[in-house]
C-alpha atoms as a PDB file:
ATOM      1  CA  MET A   1       0.000   0.000   0.000  1.00  0.00           C
ATOM      2  CA  VAL A   2       1.244   3.498  -0.833  1.00  0.00           C
ATOM      3  CA  ASN A   3       1.337   6.247   1.788  1.00  0.00           C
ATOM      4  CA  PHE A   4       0.110   9.446   0.079  1.00  0.00           C
ATOM      5  CA  ASN A   5      -0.219  12.822   1.813  1.00  0.00           C
ATOM      6  CA  VAL A   6      -2.812  15.304   0.586  1.00  0.00           C
ATOM      7  CA  ARG A   7      -3.632  18.791   1.860  1.00  0.00           C
ATOM      8  CA  PHE A   8      -7.361  19.539   2.110  1.00  0.00           C
ATOM      9  CA  PRO A   9      -8.999  22.917   2.631  1.00  0.00           C
ATOM     10  CA  ASP A  10     -10.630  23.042   6.086  1.00  0.00           C
ATOM     11  CA  ASP A  11     -14.169  23.124   4.688  1.00  0.00           C
ATOM     12  CA  LEU A  12     -13.599  20.087   2.448  1.00  0.00           C
ATOM     13  CA  HIS A  13     -12.007  18.159   5.311  1.00  0.00           C
ATOM     14  CA  ALA A  14     -15.038  18.935   7.477  1.00  0.00           C
ATOM     15  CA  ARG A  15     -17.387  17.673   4.740  1.00  0.00           C
ATOM     16  CA  VAL A  16     -15.415  14.441   4.315  1.00  0.00           C
ATOM     17  CA  ARG A  17     -15.232  13.951   8.091  1.00  0.00           C
ATOM     18  CA  ALA A  18     -19.012  14.450   8.413  1.00  0.00           C
ATOM     19  CA  GLN A  19     -19.731  12.042   5.546  1.00  0.00           C
ATOM     20  CA  ALA A  20     -17.347   9.462   7.043  1.00  0.00           C
ATOM     21  CA  ALA A  21     -19.187   9.663  10.362  1.00  0.00           C
ATOM     22  CA  ALA A  22     -22.553   9.294   8.626  1.00  0.00           C
ATOM     23  CA  ASP A  23     -21.269   6.233   6.723  1.00  0.00           C
ATOM     24  CA  ARG A  24     -19.533   4.838   9.853  1.00  0.00           C
ATOM     25  CA  ARG A  25     -16.133   4.839   8.134  1.00  0.00           C
ATOM     26  CA  SER A  26     -12.774   6.335   8.981  1.00  0.00           C
ATOM     27  CA  VAL A  27     -11.848   9.493   7.068  1.00  0.00           C
ATOM     28  CA  ASN A  28      -9.230   7.476   5.166  1.00  0.00           C
ATOM     29  CA  SER A  29     -11.781   4.782   4.212  1.00  0.00           C
ATOM     30  CA  GLU A  30     -14.279   7.455   3.169  1.00  0.00           C
ATOM     31  CA  ILE A  31     -11.730   9.144   0.889  1.00  0.00           C
ATOM     32  CA  LEU A  32     -10.848   5.783  -0.703  1.00  0.00           C
ATOM     33  CA  HIS A  33     -14.556   5.031  -1.187  1.00  0.00           C
ATOM     34  CA  LEU A  34     -15.208   8.428  -2.791  1.00  0.00           C
ATOM     35  CA  ILE A  35     -12.244   8.010  -5.160  1.00  0.00           C
ATOM     36  CA  GLU A  36     -13.409   4.501  -6.157  1.00  0.00           C
ATOM     37  CA  VAL A  37     -16.972   5.730  -6.788  1.00  0.00           C
ATOM     38  CA  GLY A  38     -15.710   8.724  -8.755  1.00  0.00           C
ATOM     39  CA  LEU A  39     -13.375   6.684 -10.932  1.00  0.00           C
ATOM     40  CA  THR A  40     -16.051   4.072 -11.598  1.00  0.00           C
ATOM     41  CA  ALA A  41     -18.458   6.810 -12.698  1.00  0.00           C
ATOM     42  CA  VAL A  42     -15.847   8.264 -15.065  1.00  0.00           C
ATOM     43  CA  ALA A  43     -14.533   5.002 -16.515  1.00  0.00           C
ATOM     44  CA  PRO A  44     -16.787   2.016 -15.815  1.00  0.00           C
ATOM     45  CA  GLU A  45     -15.368  -1.466 -16.213  1.00  0.00           C
ATOM     46  CA  THR A  46     -16.067  -3.301 -19.450  1.00  0.00           C
ATOM     47  CA  PRO A  47     -14.977  -6.762 -20.615  1.00  0.00           C
ATOM     48  CA  ASP A  48     -12.413  -5.096 -22.902  1.00  0.00           C
ATOM     49  CA  HIS A  49     -11.099  -2.736 -20.192  1.00  0.00           C
ATOM     50  CA  PRO A  50     -11.107  -4.352 -16.732  1.00  0.00           C
ATOM     51  CA  GLY A  51     -10.646  -1.649 -14.146  1.00  0.00           C
ATOM     52  CA  GLY A  52     -12.114   0.935 -16.537  1.00  0.00           C
ATOM     53  CA  GLY A  53     -10.715   2.778 -19.493  1.00  0.00           C
ATOM     54  CA  PRO A  54      -8.852   6.064 -19.560  1.00  0.00           C
ATOM     55  CA  ALA A  55     -10.895   9.068 -18.512  1.00  0.00           C
ATOM     56  CA  THR A  56     -11.408  11.890 -20.982  1.00  0.00           C
ATOM     57  CA  PRO A  57     -11.570  15.207 -19.122  1.00  0.00           C
ATOM     58  CA  ALA A  58     -13.802  18.021 -20.291  1.00  0.00           C
ATOM     59  CA  PRO A  59     -11.973  20.846 -22.041  1.00  0.00           C
ATOM     60  CA  LEU A  60     -10.877  23.648 -19.744  1.00  0.00           C
ATOM     61  CA  CYS A  61     -12.742  26.931 -20.129  1.00  0.00           C
ATOM     62  CA  GLY A  62     -11.215  29.083 -17.393  1.00  0.00           C
ATOM     63  CA  LYS A  63     -12.117  29.362 -13.743  1.00  0.00           C
ATOM     64  CA  PRO A  64     -15.456  27.872 -12.611  1.00  0.00           C
ATOM     65  CA  ASP A  65     -16.826  31.338 -11.842  1.00  0.00           C
ATOM     66  CA  SER A  66     -15.504  33.034 -14.992  1.00  0.00           C
ATOM     67  CA  PRO A  67     -18.021  34.305 -17.562  1.00  0.00           C
ATOM     68  CA  PRO A  68     -18.412  32.307 -20.784  1.00  0.00           C
ATOM     69  CA  GLN A  69     -16.045  33.178 -23.609  1.00  0.00           C
ATOM     70  CA  VAL A  70     -16.946  33.578 -27.265  1.00  0.00           C
ATOM     71  CA  GLY A  71     -17.307  30.101 -28.764  1.00  0.00           C
ATOM     72  CA  ASP A  72     -17.992  28.329 -25.440  1.00  0.00           C
ATOM     73  CA  THR A  73     -20.783  25.809 -25.625  1.00  0.00           C
ATOM     74  CA  PRO A  74     -23.547  26.637 -23.146  1.00  0.00           C
ATOM     75  CA  THR A  75     -24.076  24.089 -20.387  1.00  0.00           C
ATOM     76  CA  PRO A  76     -27.547  22.490 -20.533  1.00  0.00           C
ATOM     77  CA  MET A  77     -29.597  22.945 -17.365  1.00  0.00           C
END
């Protein structure tokens, strides 16, 4: 097993800690669970790609709160 240190903002750590308590898991187990769920949602397993295929990220369009630029595709609501 790999030991991996990550810095979390205080508010995100509090959210993960609260979710871990609600799910009766340790914070470490909750983070592993959330990563597994997230990766499965992005690249589900198929017979041709056990463990999932490579994820294709959405193109970057600036900061999340930046206004749309000319040529940006509007996000459906």
